[in-house]
Amino acid sequence: MAPTILPAAQVEQLDFSEAVTVAVGDGDSKQQFLLHKNIISRHSKFFRKALSGNFFEAKKKSINVPEGDVATFKLWIQWAYSGNIVLLSASEQEHQNDDCALARKRCGKLYVLADALEDTLCRNTVTDLLKKKLLLHHGPSAELCKIAYEHTPENSKLRKLCLDWLVINPSGTWLRDHRDRLPPALFADLAIEWGVVADDQSWAIDPFNAPKCKYHDHDTEVPACEEGPEESPASNKTT
């Protein structure tokens, strides 16, 4: 099956003029990547700042990302070079379960990495993919909720997306079955949100009918979306 293609905000001619070494991971899992400085800096404020000016990394043309996960970083590299998020290999796409558990988990990990790399557009593209496709039938997995609550700040859009879905799709059985894996903060947030909705049901937000920018972050480089009709979730291709 063809991967979901999510284009970057704009198309530019890629600049291959200068290469840098990026070391990801720590210890035996550490892996080095030779990447083009201008391409990774175009997407990541973290790389842009570290690889410019008089910083040690800029002079050495080498930078470490010790807390990074190699497999997740490879997903980000493909995003940086192509503007596409491809979560599964061809063989994984053929054998994935219907609930897309692996793809949802990788989405969460990519969101966390994009947050660390200060790549706003990547974070927004991840939440779009979850909203339009991967949460359509099964909602957030326990693993995705755990990633969102343990590795992103309280105001993260990934947390908000998971929470909103669970608020309007309550399942006591699911919560009971996964209570040992789910973060306590999620239960606290759910209790608060259900209390608010009980007083006023208009507060309940259906992620699939939410405005385009509901689960986006914006800055000077990634402006707010223009409102308009969105592509139907059912029309998205499998990732």
Protein backbone atom coordinates (compact mmCIF):
# COMPACT_ATOMS: atom_id res chain seq x y z
CA MET A 1 0.00 0.00 0.00
CA ALA A 2 1.17 3.52 -0.70
CA PRO A 3 2.26 5.56 2.31
CA THR A 4 0.34 8.62 3.42
CA ILE A 5 1.98 11.68 1.89
CA LEU A 6 1.80 14.84 3.94
CA PRO A 7 3.54 17.73 2.15
CA ALA A 8 5.56 20.33 3.99
CA ALA A 9 4.21 23.88 4.11
CA GLN A 10 6.28 24.99 1.14
CA VAL A 11 8.49 23.50 -1.53
CA GLU A 12 12.04 24.80 -1.81
CA GLN A 13 15.09 23.77 -3.75
CA LEU A 14 17.21 21.66 -1.40
CA ASP A 15 20.69 22.90 -0.52
CA PHE A 16 23.31 20.13 -0.48
CA SER A 17 26.32 22.43 -0.14
CA GLU A 18 27.42 21.53 3.39
CA ALA A 19 27.30 18.29 5.38
CA VAL A 20 27.43 17.74 9.13
CA THR A 21 27.64 14.66 11.34
CA VAL A 22 24.74 13.99 13.70
CA ALA A 23 25.32 11.32 16.37
CA VAL A 24 22.10 9.91 17.79
CA GLY A 25 21.70 7.75 20.86
CA ASP A 26 24.19 6.72 23.51
CA GLY A 27 26.49 3.79 24.21
CA ASP A 28 26.20 0.74 21.97
CA SER A 29 23.04 2.11 20.34
CA LYS A 30 24.78 5.28 19.11
CA GLN A 31 24.66 5.83 15.36
CA GLN A 32 26.09 8.58 13.18
CA PHE A 33 24.35 10.22 10.24
CA LEU A 34 25.97 12.43 7.61
CA LEU A 35 23.28 14.98 6.78
CA HIS A 36 23.03 18.26 4.93
CA LYS A 37 23.20 21.20 7.31
CA ASN A 38 20.79 23.45 5.44
CA ILE A 39 18.14 20.78 5.07
CA ILE A 40 17.98 19.75 8.72
CA SER A 41 18.31 23.37 9.87
CA ARG A 42 15.41 24.41 7.65
CA HIS A 43 13.09 22.20 9.70
CA SER A 44 14.71 22.27 13.13
CA LYS A 45 15.42 25.38 15.19
CA PHE A 46 17.56 23.17 17.45
CA PHE A 47 19.95 22.30 14.61
CA ARG A 48 19.78 25.81 13.18
CA LYS A 49 20.95 27.36 16.45
CA ALA A 50 23.56 24.72 17.28
CA LEU A 51 25.12 24.65 13.81
CA SER A 52 25.46 28.40 13.31
CA GLY A 53 27.61 31.17 14.73
CA ASN A 54 30.50 30.41 17.07
CA PHE A 55 29.06 27.35 18.76
CA PHE A 56 31.42 24.40 19.17
CA GLU A 57 29.13 22.19 17.08
CA ALA A 58 29.14 24.69 14.22
CA LYS A 59 32.93 24.81 14.10
CA LYS A 60 33.30 21.05 14.38
CA LYS A 61 30.38 20.36 12.01
CA SER A 62 29.25 17.67 14.40
CA ILE A 63 26.46 17.46 16.96
CA ASN A 64 25.19 14.88 19.44
CA VAL A 65 21.56 14.03 20.14
CA PRO A 66 22.15 11.62 23.06
CA GLU A 67 18.53 11.34 24.16
CA GLY A 68 17.34 10.50 20.66
CA ASP A 69 16.03 7.16 19.45
CA VAL A 70 17.76 6.01 16.25
CA ALA A 71 14.66 4.48 14.67
CA THR A 72 12.59 7.59 15.37
CA PHE A 73 15.35 9.87 14.12
CA LYS A 74 15.30 8.00 10.81
CA LEU A 75 11.60 8.86 10.50
CA TRP A 76 12.47 12.50 11.09
CA ILE A 77 15.26 12.41 8.47
CA GLN A 78 12.79 11.20 5.85
CA TRP A 79 10.44 13.99 6.88
CA ALA A 80 13.19 16.62 6.69
CA TYR A 81 14.28 15.58 3.20
CA SER A 82 10.92 14.76 1.64
CA GLY A 83 8.17 16.42 3.67
CA ASN A 84 6.58 12.97 4.05
CA ILE A 85 5.91 11.02 7.23
CA VAL A 86 6.25 7.30 6.51
CA LEU A 87 5.79 5.33 9.72
CA LEU A 88 5.94 1.77 8.40
CA SER A 89 8.15 -0.12 5.99
CA ALA A 90 6.57 -1.95 3.06
CA SER A 91 6.67 -5.27 4.91
CA GLU A 92 5.26 -3.71 8.09
CA GLN A 93 2.39 -2.21 6.10
CA GLU A 94 1.50 -5.67 4.81
CA HIS A 95 1.52 -7.26 8.27
CA GLN A 96 0.29 -4.47 10.53
CA ASN A 97 -2.74 -5.09 12.72
CA ASP A 98 -5.98 -3.37 11.88
CA ASP A 99 -5.65 -1.14 14.93
CA CYS A 100 -2.39 0.41 13.62
CA ALA A 101 -0.85 0.11 17.11
CA LEU A 102 2.73 0.33 15.84
CA ALA A 103 2.00 3.37 13.68
CA ARG A 104 0.30 5.16 16.57
CA LYS A 105 3.25 4.47 18.86
CA ARG A 106 5.72 5.76 16.28
CA CYS A 107 3.61 8.87 15.81
CA GLY A 108 3.92 9.58 19.51
CA LYS A 109 7.68 9.09 19.52
CA LEU A 110 8.11 11.26 16.42
CA TYR A 111 6.07 14.03 18.05
CA VAL A 112 8.36 13.92 21.11
CA LEU A 113 11.47 14.07 18.93
CA ALA A 114 10.06 16.92 16.85
CA ASP A 115 9.37 18.80 20.07
CA ALA A 116 12.99 18.34 21.17
CA LEU A 117 14.25 19.43 17.75
CA GLU A 118 11.88 22.42 17.74
CA ASP A 119 10.21 21.33 14.52
CA THR A 120 6.73 22.82 14.76
CA LEU A 121 5.56 21.72 11.33
CA CYS A 122 6.47 18.09 12.02
CA ARG A 123 4.50 18.13 15.28
CA ASN A 124 1.47 19.54 13.48
CA THR A 125 1.74 16.96 10.73
CA VAL A 126 1.86 14.16 13.29
CA THR A 127 -1.33 15.33 15.01
CA ASP A 128 -3.01 15.70 11.60
CA LEU A 129 -2.11 12.12 10.74
CA LEU A 130 -3.46 10.86 14.05
CA LYS A 131 -6.62 12.93 13.79
CA LYS A 132 -7.44 12.14 10.17
CA LYS A 133 -6.43 8.48 10.05
CA LEU A 134 -4.85 6.59 12.92
CA LEU A 135 -7.40 7.48 15.63
CA LEU A 136 -10.39 7.24 13.33
CA HIS A 137 -11.61 3.80 14.45
CA HIS A 138 -9.56 2.82 17.50
CA GLY A 139 -8.61 5.99 19.31
CA PRO A 140 -5.34 6.53 21.16
CA SER A 141 -3.60 3.41 22.42
CA ALA A 142 -2.41 3.11 26.01
CA GLU A 143 1.14 3.39 24.67
CA LEU A 144 0.36 6.63 22.83
CA CYS A 145 -1.26 8.13 25.94
CA LYS A 146 1.74 7.10 28.02
CA ILE A 147 4.14 8.74 25.56
CA ALA A 148 2.04 11.92 25.43
CA TYR A 149 1.74 12.29 29.19
CA GLU A 150 5.25 11.26 30.17
CA HIS A 151 7.26 12.98 27.45
CA THR A 152 5.40 16.15 26.44
CA PRO A 153 4.47 19.28 28.43
CA GLU A 154 1.02 19.80 29.93
CA ASN A 155 -0.08 22.09 27.11
CA SER A 156 1.04 19.81 24.27
CA LYS A 157 -1.38 19.28 21.42
CA LEU A 158 -0.69 15.54 21.46
CA ARG A 159 -1.97 15.33 25.03
CA LYS A 160 -5.00 17.42 24.11
CA LEU A 161 -5.84 15.22 21.13
CA CYS A 162 -5.67 12.01 23.19
CA LEU A 163 -7.71 13.56 26.00
CA ASP A 164 -10.43 14.96 23.74
CA TRP A 165 -10.89 11.60 22.03
CA LEU A 166 -11.26 9.77 25.35
CA VAL A 167 -13.67 12.37 26.73
CA ILE A 168 -16.19 11.87 23.91
CA ASN A 169 -15.54 8.12 23.57
CA PRO A 170 -15.59 6.95 27.20
CA SER A 171 -14.92 3.28 27.82
CA GLY A 172 -14.76 2.14 31.42
CA THR A 173 -13.69 -1.31 30.26
CA TRP A 174 -10.73 0.05 28.30
CA LEU A 175 -9.64 2.29 31.16
CA ARG A 176 -9.92 -0.57 33.64
CA ASP A 177 -7.97 -2.97 31.43
CA HIS A 178 -5.15 -0.46 30.93
CA ARG A 179 -5.14 1.36 34.27
CA ASP A 180 -1.74 -0.03 35.24
CA ARG A 181 -0.20 1.37 32.04
CA LEU A 182 -1.96 4.72 31.84
CA PRO A 183 -0.47 7.79 33.55
CA PRO A 184 -2.31 9.00 36.70
CA ALA A 185 -2.40 12.51 35.21
CA LEU A 186 -4.60 11.22 32.39
CA PHE A 187 -7.20 9.93 34.85
CA ALA A 188 -7.13 13.29 36.65
CA ASP A 189 -7.63 15.18 33.38
CA LEU A 190 -10.47 12.86 32.35
CA ALA A 191 -12.26 13.36 35.68
CA ILE A 192 -12.03 17.13 35.29
CA GLU A 193 -13.14 17.13 31.65
CA TRP A 194 -16.07 14.77 32.28
CA GLY A 195 -17.17 17.03 35.15
CA VAL A 196 -17.06 20.09 32.89
CA VAL A 197 -18.95 18.30 30.10
CA ALA A 198 -21.58 17.08 32.57
CA ASP A 199 -22.33 20.72 33.38
CA ASP A 200 -22.24 21.87 29.76
CA GLN A 201 -22.09 19.37 26.90
CA SER A 202 -21.02 22.07 24.47
CA TRP A 203 -17.54 21.81 25.99
CA ALA A 204 -17.10 18.32 24.51
CA ILE A 205 -14.84 18.43 21.45
CA ASP A 206 -14.98 15.81 18.71
CA PRO A 207 -11.41 15.78 17.30
CA PHE A 208 -12.62 14.75 13.86
CA ASN A 209 -14.90 17.79 13.57
CA ALA A 210 -12.54 20.23 15.28
CA PRO A 211 -11.09 23.23 13.40
CA LYS A 212 -7.95 22.56 11.38
CA CYS A 213 -5.69 24.33 13.86
CA LYS A 214 -7.15 22.81 17.04
CA TYR A 215 -4.20 20.45 17.49
CA HIS A 216 -1.54 22.64 15.90
CA ASP A 217 1.16 24.87 17.30
CA HIS A 218 2.05 28.04 15.40
CA ASP A 219 4.91 30.49 15.31
CA THR A 220 6.45 32.99 12.91
CA GLU A 221 7.55 30.17 10.59
CA VAL A 222 4.35 28.12 10.78
CA PRO A 223 1.37 30.51 10.59
CA ALA A 224 -2.18 29.56 11.45
CA CYS A 225 -4.07 27.51 8.89
CA GLU A 226 -6.66 28.99 6.60
CA GLU A 227 -10.03 27.59 7.54
CA GLY A 228 -11.83 25.63 4.87
CA PRO A 229 -13.14 22.15 4.07
CA GLU A 230 -10.79 19.38 5.13
CA GLU A 231 -10.18 16.10 3.38
CA SER A 232 -12.53 13.42 4.64
CA PRO A 233 -10.74 11.17 7.16
CA ALA A 234 -12.00 8.07 5.37
CA SER A 235 -10.23 9.11 2.17
CA ASN A 236 -6.74 8.99 3.69
CA LYS A 237 -4.46 6.22 2.51
CA THR A 238 -2.86 3.74 4.87
CA THR A 239 0.45 4.82 6.33
